[in-house]
Amino acid sequence: MKNFLFIIFFFGLLSCGTDKEQEAKSVAVAGEKNLSEEEYQQFNFFGGNGADSSVVSKRLIESWAQDELFYQEAKEKLLPEDLNVEAQVEKYRQELINYRYEVLLIENNLDTGITKQEIQAYYDANRDNFILKDNIVKVNYFKVPIKAKALGKMKAAVLSTNSKDKEVLKSLCLQYADNYFVNDSTWLLLEDIKKEIPQLRELPEYNFYAGRYFEYADSLNYYYLKIKEIKIKNGLSPINFEQNNIRKILLNARKMKLIRQYKQQIFEKAKSEGRFKLN
């Protein structure tokens, strides 16, 4: 009898030792859930040291505990039918796996080359979809510190009609300007230009027209803006303003077509092999 009691006591000590080891390895306990060191490391990306690390760690653990305790109470309070989420989980799992496979197929099979002719054809066929919602402009613009040594040269270059001076202006802008735009072929939103030059923000729209230029200076900067061309909102948007959007539209259409055709191929193969049938 004494031997039997000793055996029970011995295994009891082993059990307690195991429980204490598990608790020692866990970072925290929330209700019926232990947070192991390994699990904690998976969501702790801070990797800092000292006081900051301690504060972040505490917040991460408390956030984990809140989620766990909320989940445990939800399981207790919800009706059995509300807890039956296996079908929804499986559907989400299927959608996620399908999506990852679609990405793989697209990466390996999609032709991403879009020609100018394709962009033009889509633009011509869908002009009603390309109505401007905002005013857009082509400009020469630069913002330069008022004390910049090259400011005089930049003013002269921007007013010159000599093509060589355009290259001089670009070079000077690159060296001295805080911000600039001297690309003659690209359209910009007029509102974005107004954000760059505070003095323009309150001007009525009729002040902006092709050929108009503005010069402003404050205690810090000199601003120059010349409007080379303008398109008014509610008019047809130019193709070179829309070409990036059109390219995205055409690529997305190709992706959908690729996946649709591949699914059809799989379906037809399954039919021919007898792996699909209507009961």
C-alpha atoms as a PDB file:
ATOM      1  CA  MET A   1       0.000   0.000   0.000  1.00  0.00           C
ATOM      2  CA  LYS A   2       2.828   2.380   0.845  1.00  0.00           C
ATOM      3  CA  ASN A   3       4.512   1.539  -2.462  1.00  0.00           C
ATOM      4  CA  PHE A   4       1.259   2.253  -4.351  1.00  0.00           C
ATOM      5  CA  LEU A   5       0.875   5.646  -2.679  1.00  0.00           C
ATOM      6  CA  PHE A   6       4.498   6.455  -3.467  1.00  0.00           C
ATOM      7  CA  ILE A   7       3.943   5.694  -7.142  1.00  0.00           C
ATOM      8  CA  ILE A   8       0.887   7.994  -7.263  1.00  0.00           C
ATOM      9  CA  PHE A   9       2.810  10.754  -5.509  1.00  0.00           C
ATOM     10  CA  PHE A  10       5.803  10.302  -7.862  1.00  0.00           C
ATOM     11  CA  PHE A  11       3.695  10.576 -11.027  1.00  0.00           C
ATOM     12  CA  GLY A  12       1.866  13.514  -9.504  1.00  0.00           C
ATOM     13  CA  LEU A  13       5.172  15.325  -9.138  1.00  0.00           C
ATOM     14  CA  LEU A  14       6.032  14.532 -12.746  1.00  0.00           C
ATOM     15  CA  SER A  15       2.690  15.898 -13.882  1.00  0.00           C
ATOM     16  CA  CYS A  16       3.117  19.080 -11.869  1.00  0.00           C
ATOM     17  CA  GLY A  17       6.609  19.465 -13.243  1.00  0.00           C
ATOM     18  CA  THR A  18       5.324  19.148 -16.805  1.00  0.00           C
ATOM     19  CA  ASP A  19       2.575  21.728 -16.200  1.00  0.00           C
ATOM     20  CA  LYS A  20       5.092  24.125 -14.671  1.00  0.00           C
ATOM     21  CA  GLU A  21       7.442  23.657 -17.633  1.00  0.00           C
ATOM     22  CA  GLN A  22       4.609  24.431 -20.060  1.00  0.00           C
ATOM     23  CA  GLU A  23       3.660  27.537 -18.072  1.00  0.00           C
ATOM     24  CA  ALA A  24       7.293  28.623 -18.009  1.00  0.00           C
ATOM     25  CA  LYS A  25       7.495  28.335 -21.799  1.00  0.00           C
ATOM     26  CA  SER A  26       4.282  30.277 -22.340  1.00  0.00           C
ATOM     27  CA  VAL A  27       4.377  34.061 -22.565  1.00  0.00           C
ATOM     28  CA  ALA A  28       0.854  34.637 -21.264  1.00  0.00           C
ATOM     29  CA  VAL A  29      -2.441  32.948 -20.454  1.00  0.00           C
ATOM     30  CA  ALA A  30      -5.868  34.237 -21.477  1.00  0.00           C
ATOM     31  CA  GLY A  31      -8.701  32.110 -20.151  1.00  0.00           C
ATOM     32  CA  GLU A  32      -8.232  28.609 -21.543  1.00  0.00           C
ATOM     33  CA  LYS A  33      -5.543  29.621 -24.032  1.00  0.00           C
ATOM     34  CA  ASN A  34      -1.757  29.741 -23.550  1.00  0.00           C
ATOM     35  CA  LEU A  35       0.406  31.984 -25.721  1.00  0.00           C
ATOM     36  CA  SER A  36       3.593  30.061 -26.405  1.00  0.00           C
ATOM     37  CA  GLU A  37       6.932  31.711 -27.021  1.00  0.00           C
ATOM     38  CA  GLU A  38       6.902  30.408 -30.601  1.00  0.00           C
ATOM     39  CA  GLU A  39       3.419  31.854 -31.298  1.00  0.00           C
ATOM     40  CA  TYR A  40       4.430  35.172 -29.772  1.00  0.00           C
ATOM     41  CA  GLN A  41       7.519  35.437 -31.975  1.00  0.00           C
ATOM     42  CA  GLN A  42       5.346  34.942 -35.071  1.00  0.00           C
ATOM     43  CA  PHE A  43       3.481  38.208 -34.557  1.00  0.00           C
ATOM     44  CA  ASN A  44       6.176  40.214 -32.782  1.00  0.00           C
ATOM     45  CA  PHE A  45       7.976  42.004 -35.641  1.00  0.00           C
ATOM     46  CA  PHE A  46       9.307  44.902 -33.552  1.00  0.00           C
ATOM     47  CA  GLY A  47      12.666  43.428 -32.689  1.00  0.00           C
ATOM     48  CA  GLY A  48      13.730  46.474 -30.669  1.00  0.00           C
ATOM     49  CA  ASN A  49      15.526  46.743 -27.358  1.00  0.00           C
ATOM     50  CA  GLY A  50      15.030  48.422 -24.009  1.00  0.00           C
ATOM     51  CA  ALA A  51      11.962  50.307 -22.842  1.00  0.00           C
ATOM     52  CA  ASP A  52      10.422  50.641 -26.311  1.00  0.00           C
ATOM     53  CA  SER A  53      10.589  46.893 -26.847  1.00  0.00           C
ATOM     54  CA  SER A  54       8.954  46.235 -23.477  1.00  0.00           C
ATOM     55  CA  VAL A  55       6.081  48.619 -24.205  1.00  0.00           C
ATOM     56  CA  VAL A  56       5.432  47.155 -27.674  1.00  0.00           C
ATOM     57  CA  SER A  57       5.600  43.591 -26.321  1.00  0.00           C
ATOM     58  CA  LYS A  58       3.066  44.418 -23.612  1.00  0.00           C
ATOM     59  CA  ARG A  59       0.680  45.925 -26.174  1.00  0.00           C
ATOM     60  CA  LEU A  60       1.009  42.937 -28.498  1.00  0.00           C
ATOM     61  CA  ILE A  61       0.299  40.468 -25.706  1.00  0.00           C
ATOM     62  CA  GLU A  62      -2.663  42.486 -24.429  1.00  0.00           C
ATOM     63  CA  SER A  63      -4.078  42.697 -27.947  1.00  0.00           C
ATOM     64  CA  TRP A  64      -3.704  38.925 -28.320  1.00  0.00           C
ATOM     65  CA  ALA A  65      -5.436  38.394 -24.958  1.00  0.00           C
ATOM     66  CA  GLN A  66      -8.350  40.654 -25.878  1.00  0.00           C
ATOM     67  CA  ASP A  67      -8.930  38.751 -29.117  1.00  0.00           C
ATOM     68  CA  GLU A  68      -8.675  35.369 -27.389  1.00  0.00           C
ATOM     69  CA  LEU A  69     -11.002  36.277 -24.516  1.00  0.00           C
ATOM     70  CA  PHE A  70     -13.511  37.772 -26.943  1.00  0.00           C
ATOM     71  CA  TYR A  71     -13.403  34.574 -29.022  1.00  0.00           C
ATOM     72  CA  GLN A  72     -13.864  32.359 -25.973  1.00  0.00           C
ATOM     73  CA  GLU A  73     -16.896  34.369 -24.823  1.00  0.00           C
ATOM     74  CA  ALA A  74     -18.328  34.303 -28.363  1.00  0.00           C
ATOM     75  CA  LYS A  75     -18.170  30.499 -28.356  1.00  0.00           C
ATOM     76  CA  GLU A  76     -20.053  30.449 -25.061  1.00  0.00           C
ATOM     77  CA  LYS A  77     -22.748  32.983 -25.965  1.00  0.00           C
ATOM     78  CA  LEU A  78     -23.538  32.182 -29.612  1.00  0.00           C
ATOM     79  CA  LEU A  79     -26.138  29.608 -30.610  1.00  0.00           C
ATOM     80  CA  PRO A  80     -24.885  26.256 -31.979  1.00  0.00           C
ATOM     81  CA  GLU A  81     -26.037  27.104 -35.497  1.00  0.00           C
ATOM     82  CA  ASP A  82     -24.031  30.345 -35.350  1.00  0.00           C
ATOM     83  CA  LEU A  83     -20.899  28.400 -34.454  1.00  0.00           C
ATOM     84  CA  ASN A  84     -21.172  26.169 -37.508  1.00  0.00           C
ATOM     85  CA  VAL A  85     -18.811  28.039 -39.826  1.00  0.00           C
ATOM     86  CA  GLU A  86     -17.071  25.088 -41.477  1.00  0.00           C
ATOM     87  CA  ALA A  87     -18.869  25.582 -44.793  1.00  0.00           C
ATOM     88  CA  GLN A  88     -17.968  29.282 -44.911  1.00  0.00           C
ATOM     89  CA  VAL A  89     -14.375  28.558 -43.933  1.00  0.00           C
ATOM     90  CA  GLU A  90     -14.089  25.913 -46.645  1.00  0.00           C
ATOM     91  CA  LYS A  91     -15.562  28.274 -49.237  1.00  0.00           C
ATOM     92  CA  TYR A  92     -13.060  30.986 -48.264  1.00  0.00           C
ATOM     93  CA  ARG A  93     -10.240  28.419 -48.383  1.00  0.00           C
ATOM     94  CA  GLN A  94     -11.298  27.389 -51.885  1.00  0.00           C
ATOM     95  CA  GLU A  95     -11.495  31.007 -53.061  1.00  0.00           C
ATOM     96  CA  LEU A  96      -8.066  31.785 -51.600  1.00  0.00           C
ATOM     97  CA  ILE A  97      -6.435  28.751 -53.229  1.00  0.00           C
ATOM     98  CA  ASN A  98      -8.149  29.530 -56.544  1.00  0.00           C
ATOM     99  CA  TYR A  99      -6.922  33.109 -56.369  1.00  0.00           C
ATOM    100  CA  ARG A 100      -3.323  32.018 -55.742  1.00  0.00           C
ATOM    101  CA  TYR A 101      -3.498  29.601 -58.661  1.00  0.00           C
ATOM    102  CA  GLU A 102      -4.944  32.345 -60.885  1.00  0.00           C
ATOM    103  CA  VAL A 103      -2.003  34.592 -59.952  1.00  0.00           C
ATOM    104  CA  LEU A 104       0.423  31.801 -60.872  1.00  0.00           C
ATOM    105  CA  LEU A 105      -1.288  31.185 -64.215  1.00  0.00           C
ATOM    106  CA  ILE A 106      -1.303  34.894 -65.028  1.00  0.00           C
ATOM    107  CA  GLU A 107       2.365  35.312 -64.124  1.00  0.00           C
ATOM    108  CA  ASN A 108       3.372  32.393 -66.344  1.00  0.00           C
ATOM    109  CA  ASN A 109       1.028  32.892 -69.304  1.00  0.00           C
ATOM    110  CA  LEU A 110      -0.212  36.464 -69.646  1.00  0.00           C
ATOM    111  CA  ASP A 111       1.029  38.563 -72.554  1.00  0.00           C
ATOM    112  CA  THR A 112       1.496  42.002 -70.972  1.00  0.00           C
ATOM    113  CA  GLY A 113       2.451  43.825 -74.161  1.00  0.00           C
ATOM    114  CA  ILE A 114      -0.146  46.476 -75.056  1.00  0.00           C
ATOM    115  CA  THR A 115       0.374  48.280 -78.366  1.00  0.00           C
ATOM    116  CA  LYS A 116      -0.425  51.907 -79.137  1.00  0.00           C
ATOM    117  CA  GLN A 117      -2.913  50.653 -81.729  1.00  0.00           C
ATOM    118  CA  GLU A 118      -4.806  48.663 -79.073  1.00  0.00           C
ATOM    119  CA  ILE A 119      -4.921  51.683 -76.775  1.00  0.00           C
ATOM    120  CA  GLN A 120      -6.134  53.907 -79.617  1.00  0.00           C
ATOM    121  CA  ALA A 121      -8.813  51.395 -80.654  1.00  0.00           C
ATOM    122  CA  TYR A 122     -10.152  51.124 -77.109  1.00  0.00           C
ATOM    123  CA  TYR A 123     -10.092  54.902 -76.695  1.00  0.00           C
ATOM    124  CA  ASP A 124     -11.987  55.446 -79.967  1.00  0.00           C
ATOM    125  CA  ALA A 125     -14.601  52.824 -79.072  1.00  0.00           C
ATOM    126  CA  ASN A 126     -15.200  54.172 -75.554  1.00  0.00           C
ATOM    127  CA  ARG A 127     -14.920  57.944 -75.839  1.00  0.00           C
ATOM    128  CA  ASP A 128     -17.981  58.470 -73.650  1.00  0.00           C
ATOM    129  CA  ASN A 129     -16.052  56.893 -70.772  1.00  0.00           C
ATOM    130  CA  PHE A 130     -13.254  59.443 -71.029  1.00  0.00           C
ATOM    131  CA  ILE A 131     -14.923  62.691 -70.050  1.00  0.00           C
ATOM    132  CA  LEU A 132     -12.753  64.945 -67.919  1.00  0.00           C
ATOM    133  CA  LYS A 133     -13.841  65.454 -64.331  1.00  0.00           C
ATOM    134  CA  ASP A 134     -11.171  68.100 -63.730  1.00  0.00           C
ATOM    135  CA  ASN A 135      -9.191  70.669 -65.704  1.00  0.00           C
ATOM    136  CA  ILE A 136      -5.845  69.415 -66.994  1.00  0.00           C
ATOM    137  CA  VAL A 137      -2.842  71.317 -68.296  1.00  0.00           C
ATOM    138  CA  LYS A 138       0.534  71.038 -69.972  1.00  0.00           C
ATOM    139  CA  VAL A 139       2.976  73.409 -68.302  1.00  0.00           C
ATOM    140  CA  ASN A 140       6.452  74.695 -67.771  1.00  0.00           C
ATOM    141  CA  TYR A 141       6.861  75.071 -64.042  1.00  0.00           C
ATOM    142  CA  PHE A 142       9.599  75.429 -61.480  1.00  0.00           C
ATOM    143  CA  LYS A 143       9.941  76.413 -57.838  1.00  0.00           C
ATOM    144  CA  VAL A 144      13.392  77.700 -56.867  1.00  0.00           C
ATOM    145  CA  PRO A 145      14.805  79.122 -53.614  1.00  0.00           C
ATOM    146  CA  ILE A 146      14.808  82.899 -53.942  1.00  0.00           C
ATOM    147  CA  LYS A 147      18.556  83.015 -53.203  1.00  0.00           C
ATOM    148  CA  ALA A 148      19.528  80.437 -55.863  1.00  0.00           C
ATOM    149  CA  LYS A 149      22.491  81.700 -57.907  1.00  0.00           C
ATOM    150  CA  ALA A 150      21.069  80.357 -61.178  1.00  0.00           C
ATOM    151  CA  LEU A 151      17.653  82.001 -60.859  1.00  0.00           C
ATOM    152  CA  GLY A 152      18.427  84.653 -63.487  1.00  0.00           C
ATOM    153  CA  LYS A 153      19.640  82.052 -65.979  1.00  0.00           C
ATOM    154  CA  MET A 154      16.516  79.973 -65.392  1.00  0.00           C
ATOM    155  CA  LYS A 155      14.229  82.929 -66.067  1.00  0.00           C
ATOM    156  CA  ALA A 156      16.060  83.660 -69.300  1.00  0.00           C
ATOM    157  CA  ALA A 157      16.046  80.028 -70.401  1.00  0.00           C
ATOM    158  CA  VAL A 158      12.333  79.523 -69.800  1.00  0.00           C
ATOM    159  CA  LEU A 159      11.465  82.561 -71.920  1.00  0.00           C
ATOM    160  CA  SER A 160      13.800  81.574 -74.759  1.00  0.00           C
ATOM    161  CA  THR A 161      12.529  79.935 -77.966  1.00  0.00           C
ATOM    162  CA  ASN A 162      15.887  78.299 -78.629  1.00  0.00           C
ATOM    163  CA  SER A 163      15.664  74.490 -78.310  1.00  0.00           C
ATOM    164  CA  LYS A 164      19.125  74.378 -76.689  1.00  0.00           C
ATOM    165  CA  ASP A 165      17.880  76.585 -73.877  1.00  0.00           C
ATOM    166  CA  LYS A 166      15.227  73.970 -73.034  1.00  0.00           C
ATOM    167  CA  GLU A 167      18.005  71.528 -72.213  1.00  0.00           C
ATOM    168  CA  VAL A 168      19.800  74.239 -70.240  1.00  0.00           C
ATOM    169  CA  LEU A 169      16.595  74.840 -68.247  1.00  0.00           C
ATOM    170  CA  LYS A 170      16.179  71.129 -67.478  1.00  0.00           C
ATOM    171  CA  SER A 171      19.774  70.953 -66.279  1.00  0.00           C
ATOM    172  CA  LEU A 172      19.396  74.026 -64.057  1.00  0.00           C
ATOM    173  CA  CYS A 173      16.088  72.750 -62.636  1.00  0.00           C
ATOM    174  CA  LEU A 174      17.735  69.462 -61.782  1.00  0.00           C
ATOM    175  CA  GLN A 175      20.451  71.299 -59.870  1.00  0.00           C
ATOM    176  CA  TYR A 176      18.561  74.124 -58.169  1.00  0.00           C
ATOM    177  CA  ALA A 177      14.775  73.649 -58.220  1.00  0.00           C
ATOM    178  CA  ASP A 178      12.863  72.298 -55.246  1.00  0.00           C
ATOM    179  CA  ASN A 179      10.248  71.133 -57.729  1.00  0.00           C
ATOM    180  CA  TYR A 180       9.796  71.483 -61.473  1.00  0.00           C
ATOM    181  CA  PHE A 181       7.980  70.150 -64.503  1.00  0.00           C
ATOM    182  CA  VAL A 182       9.138  70.927 -68.034  1.00  0.00           C
ATOM    183  CA  ASN A 183       7.790  67.925 -69.956  1.00  0.00           C
ATOM    184  CA  ASP A 184       5.836  69.293 -72.921  1.00  0.00           C
ATOM    185  CA  SER A 185       3.940  66.069 -73.665  1.00  0.00           C
ATOM    186  CA  THR A 186       2.431  65.186 -70.290  1.00  0.00           C
ATOM    187  CA  TRP A 187      -0.914  66.374 -68.908  1.00  0.00           C
ATOM    188  CA  LEU A 188      -1.268  67.301 -65.227  1.00  0.00           C
ATOM    189  CA  LEU A 189      -4.245  68.104 -63.062  1.00  0.00           C
ATOM    190  CA  LEU A 190      -4.597  71.866 -62.674  1.00  0.00           C
ATOM    191  CA  GLU A 191      -5.566  71.367 -59.024  1.00  0.00           C
ATOM    192  CA  ASP A 192      -2.213  69.674 -58.399  1.00  0.00           C
ATOM    193  CA  ILE A 193      -0.418  72.689 -59.863  1.00  0.00           C
ATOM    194  CA  LYS A 194      -2.452  75.014 -57.619  1.00  0.00           C
ATOM    195  CA  LYS A 195      -1.303  73.045 -54.595  1.00  0.00           C
ATOM    196  CA  GLU A 196       2.292  73.796 -55.585  1.00  0.00           C
ATOM    197  CA  ILE A 197       1.761  77.561 -55.898  1.00  0.00           C
ATOM    198  CA  PRO A 198      -0.271  79.042 -53.004  1.00  0.00           C
ATOM    199  CA  GLN A 199      -1.035  82.267 -54.903  1.00  0.00           C
ATOM    200  CA  LEU A 200      -3.039  80.366 -57.552  1.00  0.00           C
ATOM    201  CA  ARG A 201      -5.465  78.650 -55.205  1.00  0.00           C
ATOM    202  CA  GLU A 202      -8.091  81.381 -55.066  1.00  0.00           C
ATOM    203  CA  LEU A 203      -7.970  82.444 -58.731  1.00  0.00           C
ATOM    204  CA  PRO A 204     -11.147  81.818 -60.788  1.00  0.00           C
ATOM    205  CA  GLU A 205     -10.900  79.260 -63.576  1.00  0.00           C
ATOM    206  CA  TYR A 206     -11.104  81.852 -66.361  1.00  0.00           C
ATOM    207  CA  ASN A 207      -7.606  83.018 -65.368  1.00  0.00           C
ATOM    208  CA  PHE A 208      -6.112  79.824 -66.754  1.00  0.00           C
ATOM    209  CA  TYR A 209      -5.692  79.573 -70.516  1.00  0.00           C
ATOM    210  CA  ALA A 210      -3.047  78.528 -73.043  1.00  0.00           C
ATOM    211  CA  GLY A 211      -0.163  80.986 -73.208  1.00  0.00           C
ATOM    212  CA  ARG A 212      -0.812  82.536 -69.781  1.00  0.00           C
ATOM    213  CA  TYR A 213       2.156  82.660 -67.438  1.00  0.00           C
ATOM    214  CA  PHE A 214       2.474  83.465 -63.751  1.00  0.00           C
ATOM    215  CA  GLU A 215       5.427  84.663 -61.691  1.00  0.00           C
ATOM    216  CA  TYR A 216       5.352  84.881 -57.922  1.00  0.00           C
ATOM    217  CA  ALA A 217       7.932  85.328 -55.203  1.00  0.00           C
ATOM    218  CA  ASP A 218       7.791  85.163 -51.440  1.00  0.00           C
ATOM    219  CA  SER A 219      10.456  85.359 -48.766  1.00  0.00           C
ATOM    220  CA  LEU A 220      11.661  81.830 -49.536  1.00  0.00           C
ATOM    221  CA  ASN A 221      10.875  80.885 -53.131  1.00  0.00           C
ATOM    222  CA  TYR A 222      10.372  82.047 -56.682  1.00  0.00           C
ATOM    223  CA  TYR A 223       7.589  80.356 -58.695  1.00  0.00           C
ATOM    224  CA  TYR A 224       7.237  80.298 -62.466  1.00  0.00           C
ATOM    225  CA  LEU A 225       4.348  78.732 -64.359  1.00  0.00           C
ATOM    226  CA  LYS A 226       3.450  78.867 -68.037  1.00  0.00           C
ATOM    227  CA  ILE A 227       0.318  77.109 -69.301  1.00  0.00           C
ATOM    228  CA  LYS A 228       1.151  75.616 -72.682  1.00  0.00           C
ATOM    229  CA  GLU A 229      -2.196  73.876 -73.209  1.00  0.00           C
ATOM    230  CA  ILE A 230      -5.386  73.339 -71.205  1.00  0.00           C
ATOM    231  CA  LYS A 231      -8.376  70.973 -71.406  1.00  0.00           C
ATOM    232  CA  ILE A 232     -11.522  71.993 -69.553  1.00  0.00           C
ATOM    233  CA  LYS A 233     -13.500  69.548 -67.405  1.00  0.00           C
ATOM    234  CA  ASN A 234     -16.549  67.881 -68.981  1.00  0.00           C
ATOM    235  CA  GLY A 235     -14.714  67.766 -72.298  1.00  0.00           C
ATOM    236  CA  LEU A 236     -13.086  64.737 -73.906  1.00  0.00           C
ATOM    237  CA  SER A 237      -9.974  63.639 -72.046  1.00  0.00           C
ATOM    238  CA  PRO A 238      -6.886  63.343 -74.323  1.00  0.00           C
ATOM    239  CA  ILE A 239      -5.618  59.855 -75.019  1.00  0.00           C
ATOM    240  CA  ASN A 240      -2.139  60.405 -73.546  1.00  0.00           C
ATOM    241  CA  PHE A 241      -3.788  61.405 -70.261  1.00  0.00           C
ATOM    242  CA  GLU A 242      -5.802  58.168 -70.262  1.00  0.00           C
ATOM    243  CA  GLN A 243      -3.337  55.680 -71.738  1.00  0.00           C
ATOM    244  CA  ASN A 244      -2.173  54.255 -68.385  1.00  0.00           C
ATOM    245  CA  ASN A 245      -5.786  53.652 -67.327  1.00  0.00           C
ATOM    246  CA  ILE A 246      -6.567  52.065 -70.699  1.00  0.00           C
ATOM    247  CA  ARG A 247      -3.520  49.804 -70.397  1.00  0.00           C
ATOM    248  CA  LYS A 248      -4.757  48.597 -66.986  1.00  0.00           C
ATOM    249  CA  ILE A 249      -8.258  47.986 -68.393  1.00  0.00           C
ATOM    250  CA  LEU A 250      -6.911  45.968 -71.330  1.00  0.00           C
ATOM    251  CA  LEU A 251      -4.583  43.922 -69.108  1.00  0.00           C
ATOM    252  CA  ASN A 252      -7.409  43.153 -66.697  1.00  0.00           C
ATOM    253  CA  ALA A 253      -9.598  42.025 -69.599  1.00  0.00           C
ATOM    254  CA  ARG A 254      -6.802  39.720 -70.781  1.00  0.00           C
ATOM    255  CA  LYS A 255      -6.442  38.256 -67.276  1.00  0.00           C
ATOM    256  CA  MET A 256     -10.147  37.488 -67.078  1.00  0.00           C
ATOM    257  CA  LYS A 257     -10.129  35.949 -70.571  1.00  0.00           C
ATOM    258  CA  LEU A 258      -7.073  33.817 -69.748  1.00  0.00           C
ATOM    259  CA  ILE A 259      -8.641  32.385 -66.589  1.00  0.00           C
ATOM    260  CA  ARG A 260     -12.025  31.892 -68.266  1.00  0.00           C
ATOM    261  CA  GLN A 261     -10.439  29.973 -71.161  1.00  0.00           C
ATOM    262  CA  TYR A 262      -8.288  27.866 -68.848  1.00  0.00           C
ATOM    263  CA  LYS A 263     -11.283  26.909 -66.720  1.00  0.00           C
ATOM    264  CA  GLN A 264     -13.164  25.932 -69.876  1.00  0.00           C
ATOM    265  CA  GLN A 265     -10.243  23.748 -70.994  1.00  0.00           C
ATOM    266  CA  ILE A 266     -10.174  21.949 -67.637  1.00  0.00           C
ATOM    267  CA  PHE A 267     -13.943  21.458 -67.822  1.00  0.00           C
ATOM    268  CA  GLU A 268     -13.861  20.037 -71.356  1.00  0.00           C
ATOM    269  CA  LYS A 269     -11.031  17.667 -70.416  1.00  0.00           C
ATOM    270  CA  ALA A 270     -12.966  16.441 -67.365  1.00  0.00           C
ATOM    271  CA  LYS A 271     -16.004  15.766 -69.580  1.00  0.00           C
ATOM    272  CA  SER A 272     -13.952  13.808 -72.121  1.00  0.00           C
ATOM    273  CA  GLU A 273     -12.375  11.715 -69.341  1.00  0.00           C
ATOM    274  CA  GLY A 274     -15.678  11.051 -67.624  1.00  0.00           C
ATOM    275  CA  ARG A 275     -14.752  13.045 -64.515  1.00  0.00           C
ATOM    276  CA  PHE A 276     -17.787  15.284 -64.960  1.00  0.00           C
ATOM    277  CA  LYS A 277     -21.354  14.082 -65.424  1.00  0.00           C
ATOM    278  CA  LEU A 278     -24.856  15.249 -64.688  1.00  0.00           C
ATOM    279  CA  ASN A 279     -26.821  12.930 -62.391  1.00  0.00           C
END
